Amino acid sequence: MKKRPTARDYPRTARLNTLVREIIAQELERIDDERLELVTLTSVVVDGDLARAVVYYDHSRGQEADEEIDQAFTDLRKRLQGAVGRQTTFKRTPELRFETDGVLREALRIEEVLRGLSQEPPIAPLDPTPYNDIEPL
């Protein structure tokens, strides 16, 4: 029978990352800011010394909304940081920094390129005739 994983089975920083992400997500639901509609927190990376935490997010509103969303996170940073401080027992509250997670966008871009490749005509094979004069090694 498999042992059920406990908090001790995971590294401390992974648990902190998950905890901070959950707190920020819950606080964002309470805030209900229209600028943050369709925004998803993809991950949080907390420094080992708890000085800083980078919150990665993505959204499906198009690139024209990037600036508006950045501004919303800038406006709400102190409130979100305060929520983390109140709901944790950290020695210090990490300073939050918000960054767009480019992984999903890059994946979509790669997918578009691959679709474009499948629509191009196949490349004709090389003619081996010019290489007939070369002796094998």
C-alpha atoms as a PDB file:
ATOM      1  CA  MET A   1       0.000   0.000   0.000  1.00  0.00           C
ATOM      2  CA  LYS A   2       1.358   3.395  -0.993  1.00  0.00           C
ATOM      3  CA  LYS A   3       2.004   5.936   1.679  1.00  0.00           C
ATOM      4  CA  ARG A   4       0.024   9.128   1.246  1.00  0.00           C
ATOM      5  CA  PRO A   5       2.394  12.088   0.669  1.00  0.00           C
ATOM      6  CA  THR A   6       2.611  14.571   3.516  1.00  0.00           C
ATOM      7  CA  ALA A   7       3.915  18.121   3.647  1.00  0.00           C
ATOM      8  CA  ARG A   8       7.264  16.764   4.824  1.00  0.00           C
ATOM      9  CA  ASP A   9       7.673  14.825   1.560  1.00  0.00           C
ATOM     10  CA  TYR A  10       8.012  18.065  -0.397  1.00  0.00           C
ATOM     11  CA  PRO A  11      10.763  20.662  -0.233  1.00  0.00           C
ATOM     12  CA  ARG A  12      10.026  23.674   1.926  1.00  0.00           C
ATOM     13  CA  THR A  13      10.190  26.147  -0.952  1.00  0.00           C
ATOM     14  CA  ALA A  14       7.677  24.149  -3.003  1.00  0.00           C
ATOM     15  CA  ARG A  15       5.233  24.282  -0.086  1.00  0.00           C
ATOM     16  CA  LEU A  16       5.824  28.035   0.304  1.00  0.00           C
ATOM     17  CA  ASN A  17       5.287  28.597  -3.424  1.00  0.00           C
ATOM     18  CA  THR A  18       1.976  26.752  -3.308  1.00  0.00           C
ATOM     19  CA  LEU A  19       0.833  28.517  -0.146  1.00  0.00           C
ATOM     20  CA  VAL A  20       1.596  32.015  -1.480  1.00  0.00           C
ATOM     21  CA  ARG A  21      -0.090  31.215  -4.806  1.00  0.00           C
ATOM     22  CA  GLU A  22      -3.260  30.043  -3.032  1.00  0.00           C
ATOM     23  CA  ILE A  23      -3.379  33.117  -0.781  1.00  0.00           C
ATOM     24  CA  ILE A  24      -2.949  35.521  -3.713  1.00  0.00           C
ATOM     25  CA  ALA A  25      -5.557  33.660  -5.793  1.00  0.00           C
ATOM     26  CA  GLN A  26      -8.093  33.819  -2.956  1.00  0.00           C
ATOM     27  CA  GLU A  27      -7.419  37.509  -2.388  1.00  0.00           C
ATOM     28  CA  LEU A  28      -7.830  38.247  -6.113  1.00  0.00           C
ATOM     29  CA  GLU A  29     -11.251  36.575  -6.014  1.00  0.00           C
ATOM     30  CA  ARG A  30     -12.256  38.835  -3.125  1.00  0.00           C
ATOM     31  CA  ILE A  31     -10.969  41.965  -4.878  1.00  0.00           C
ATOM     32  CA  ASP A  32     -12.966  41.291  -8.075  1.00  0.00           C
ATOM     33  CA  ASP A  33     -11.054  43.815 -10.229  1.00  0.00           C
ATOM     34  CA  GLU A  34     -12.372  43.912 -13.818  1.00  0.00           C
ATOM     35  CA  ARG A  35      -8.847  44.476 -15.129  1.00  0.00           C
ATOM     36  CA  LEU A  36      -7.888  41.036 -13.849  1.00  0.00           C
ATOM     37  CA  GLU A  37     -10.682  39.062 -15.523  1.00  0.00           C
ATOM     38  CA  LEU A  38      -9.467  35.890 -17.222  1.00  0.00           C
ATOM     39  CA  VAL A  39      -6.089  36.137 -15.449  1.00  0.00           C
ATOM     40  CA  THR A  40      -4.617  32.884 -14.178  1.00  0.00           C
ATOM     41  CA  LEU A  41      -1.798  32.593 -11.671  1.00  0.00           C
ATOM     42  CA  THR A  42       0.466  29.954 -13.171  1.00  0.00           C
ATOM     43  CA  SER A  43       3.112  29.751 -10.438  1.00  0.00           C
ATOM     44  CA  VAL A  44       4.902  31.537  -7.634  1.00  0.00           C
ATOM     45  CA  VAL A  45       8.607  31.324  -6.885  1.00  0.00           C
ATOM     46  CA  VAL A  46       9.573  32.408  -3.366  1.00  0.00           C
ATOM     47  CA  ASP A  47      13.250  33.048  -2.582  1.00  0.00           C
ATOM     48  CA  GLY A  48      14.715  30.782   0.067  1.00  0.00           C
ATOM     49  CA  ASP A  49      15.317  33.776   2.355  1.00  0.00           C
ATOM     50  CA  LEU A  50      11.697  34.984   1.870  1.00  0.00           C
ATOM     51  CA  ALA A  51      12.866  38.398   0.651  1.00  0.00           C
ATOM     52  CA  ARG A  52      11.093  38.215  -2.705  1.00  0.00           C
ATOM     53  CA  ALA A  53       8.451  36.225  -4.532  1.00  0.00           C
ATOM     54  CA  VAL A  54       7.808  36.305  -8.261  1.00  0.00           C
ATOM     55  CA  VAL A  55       4.189  35.666  -9.190  1.00  0.00           C
ATOM     56  CA  TYR A  56       3.806  34.390 -12.748  1.00  0.00           C
ATOM     57  CA  TYR A  57       0.481  34.844 -14.495  1.00  0.00           C
ATOM     58  CA  ASP A  58      -1.094  34.588 -17.909  1.00  0.00           C
ATOM     59  CA  HIS A  59      -4.375  35.655 -19.446  1.00  0.00           C
ATOM     60  CA  SER A  60      -6.486  35.092 -22.529  1.00  0.00           C
ATOM     61  CA  ARG A  61      -7.403  38.714 -23.265  1.00  0.00           C
ATOM     62  CA  GLY A  62      -4.771  39.344 -25.934  1.00  0.00           C
ATOM     63  CA  GLN A  63      -1.582  41.377 -25.866  1.00  0.00           C
ATOM     64  CA  GLU A  64      -3.481  44.675 -25.844  1.00  0.00           C
ATOM     65  CA  ALA A  65      -4.515  43.930 -22.243  1.00  0.00           C
ATOM     66  CA  ASP A  66      -0.936  43.366 -20.988  1.00  0.00           C
ATOM     67  CA  GLU A  67      -0.370  46.949 -19.882  1.00  0.00           C
ATOM     68  CA  GLU A  68      -3.745  47.193 -18.127  1.00  0.00           C
ATOM     69  CA  ILE A  69      -3.117  43.956 -16.227  1.00  0.00           C
ATOM     70  CA  ASP A  70       0.412  45.034 -15.271  1.00  0.00           C
ATOM     71  CA  GLN A  71      -1.015  48.264 -13.877  1.00  0.00           C
ATOM     72  CA  ALA A  72      -3.686  46.377 -11.907  1.00  0.00           C
ATOM     73  CA  PHE A  73      -1.050  44.201 -10.256  1.00  0.00           C
ATOM     74  CA  THR A  74       1.065  47.278  -9.511  1.00  0.00           C
ATOM     75  CA  ASP A  75      -1.941  48.953  -7.886  1.00  0.00           C
ATOM     76  CA  LEU A  76      -2.820  45.855  -5.831  1.00  0.00           C
ATOM     77  CA  ARG A  77       0.700  44.697  -4.914  1.00  0.00           C
ATOM     78  CA  LYS A  78       0.690  46.092  -1.349  1.00  0.00           C
ATOM     79  CA  ARG A  79      -2.771  44.703  -0.613  1.00  0.00           C
ATOM     80  CA  LEU A  80      -1.798  41.246  -1.898  1.00  0.00           C
ATOM     81  CA  GLN A  81       1.469  41.389   0.012  1.00  0.00           C
ATOM     82  CA  GLY A  82      -0.474  42.307   3.152  1.00  0.00           C
ATOM     83  CA  ALA A  83      -2.755  39.301   2.666  1.00  0.00           C
ATOM     84  CA  VAL A  84       0.276  37.024   2.435  1.00  0.00           C
ATOM     85  CA  GLY A  85       1.686  38.578   5.614  1.00  0.00           C
ATOM     86  CA  ARG A  86      -1.566  38.154   7.544  1.00  0.00           C
ATOM     87  CA  GLN A  87      -2.225  34.566   6.490  1.00  0.00           C
ATOM     88  CA  THR A  88       1.267  33.134   6.978  1.00  0.00           C
ATOM     89  CA  THR A  89       3.684  32.734   9.836  1.00  0.00           C
ATOM     90  CA  PHE A  90       6.732  33.763   7.798  1.00  0.00           C
ATOM     91  CA  LYS A  91       9.466  35.664   9.618  1.00  0.00           C
ATOM     92  CA  ARG A  92       9.135  38.295   6.916  1.00  0.00           C
ATOM     93  CA  THR A  93       6.655  38.867   4.136  1.00  0.00           C
ATOM     94  CA  PRO A  94       8.226  38.491   0.693  1.00  0.00           C
ATOM     95  CA  GLU A  95       8.082  41.462  -1.645  1.00  0.00           C
ATOM     96  CA  LEU A  96       5.821  40.470  -4.536  1.00  0.00           C
ATOM     97  CA  ARG A  97       6.755  41.004  -8.166  1.00  0.00           C
ATOM     98  CA  PHE A  98       4.361  40.088 -10.966  1.00  0.00           C
ATOM     99  CA  GLU A  99       5.543  38.800 -14.342  1.00  0.00           C
ATOM    100  CA  THR A 100       3.802  37.415 -17.379  1.00  0.00           C
ATOM    101  CA  ASP A 101       4.414  33.700 -17.848  1.00  0.00           C
ATOM    102  CA  GLY A 102       5.504  33.403 -21.459  1.00  0.00           C
ATOM    103  CA  VAL A 103       5.389  29.610 -21.597  1.00  0.00           C
ATOM    104  CA  LEU A 104       1.813  29.388 -22.872  1.00  0.00           C
ATOM    105  CA  ARG A 105       2.341  32.128 -25.443  1.00  0.00           C
ATOM    106  CA  GLU A 106       5.528  30.494 -26.711  1.00  0.00           C
ATOM    107  CA  ALA A 107       3.748  27.148 -26.955  1.00  0.00           C
ATOM    108  CA  LEU A 108       0.980  28.732 -29.050  1.00  0.00           C
ATOM    109  CA  ARG A 109       3.559  30.422 -31.276  1.00  0.00           C
ATOM    110  CA  ILE A 110       5.405  27.122 -31.816  1.00  0.00           C
ATOM    111  CA  GLU A 111       2.117  25.402 -32.595  1.00  0.00           C
ATOM    112  CA  GLU A 112       1.327  28.047 -35.236  1.00  0.00           C
ATOM    113  CA  VAL A 113       4.752  27.567 -36.825  1.00  0.00           C
ATOM    114  CA  LEU A 114       4.286  23.808 -36.904  1.00  0.00           C
ATOM    115  CA  ARG A 115       0.848  24.177 -38.495  1.00  0.00           C
ATOM    116  CA  GLY A 116       2.368  26.442 -41.120  1.00  0.00           C
ATOM    117  CA  LEU A 117       5.029  23.831 -41.881  1.00  0.00           C
ATOM    118  CA  SER A 118       2.448  21.132 -42.508  1.00  0.00           C
ATOM    119  CA  GLN A 119       0.779  23.364 -45.123  1.00  0.00           C
ATOM    120  CA  GLU A 120       3.977  23.965 -47.119  1.00  0.00           C
ATOM    121  CA  PRO A 121       4.764  21.688 -50.035  1.00  0.00           C
ATOM    122  CA  PRO A 122       7.295  18.973 -49.242  1.00  0.00           C
ATOM    123  CA  ILE A 123      10.940  19.659 -50.069  1.00  0.00           C
ATOM    124  CA  ALA A 124      12.218  17.710 -53.063  1.00  0.00           C
ATOM    125  CA  PRO A 125      14.974  15.200 -52.233  1.00  0.00           C
ATOM    126  CA  LEU A 126      18.540  16.166 -53.137  1.00  0.00           C
ATOM    127  CA  ASP A 127      19.971  14.848 -56.371  1.00  0.00           C
ATOM    128  CA  PRO A 128      22.838  12.475 -55.374  1.00  0.00           C
ATOM    129  CA  THR A 129      24.522  12.759 -58.799  1.00  0.00           C
ATOM    130  CA  PRO A 130      26.974  15.573 -57.882  1.00  0.00           C
ATOM    131  CA  TYR A 131      28.299  13.453 -55.007  1.00  0.00           C
ATOM    132  CA  ASN A 132      29.117  10.352 -57.081  1.00  0.00           C
ATOM    133  CA  ASP A 133      32.737  11.489 -57.577  1.00  0.00           C
ATOM    134  CA  ILE A 134      33.468  11.463 -53.831  1.00  0.00           C
ATOM    135  CA  GLU A 135      35.099   8.332 -52.498  1.00  0.00           C
ATOM    136  CA  PRO A 136      33.856   6.960 -49.211  1.00  0.00           C
ATOM    137  CA  LEU A 137      36.159   7.282 -46.191  1.00  0.00           C
END
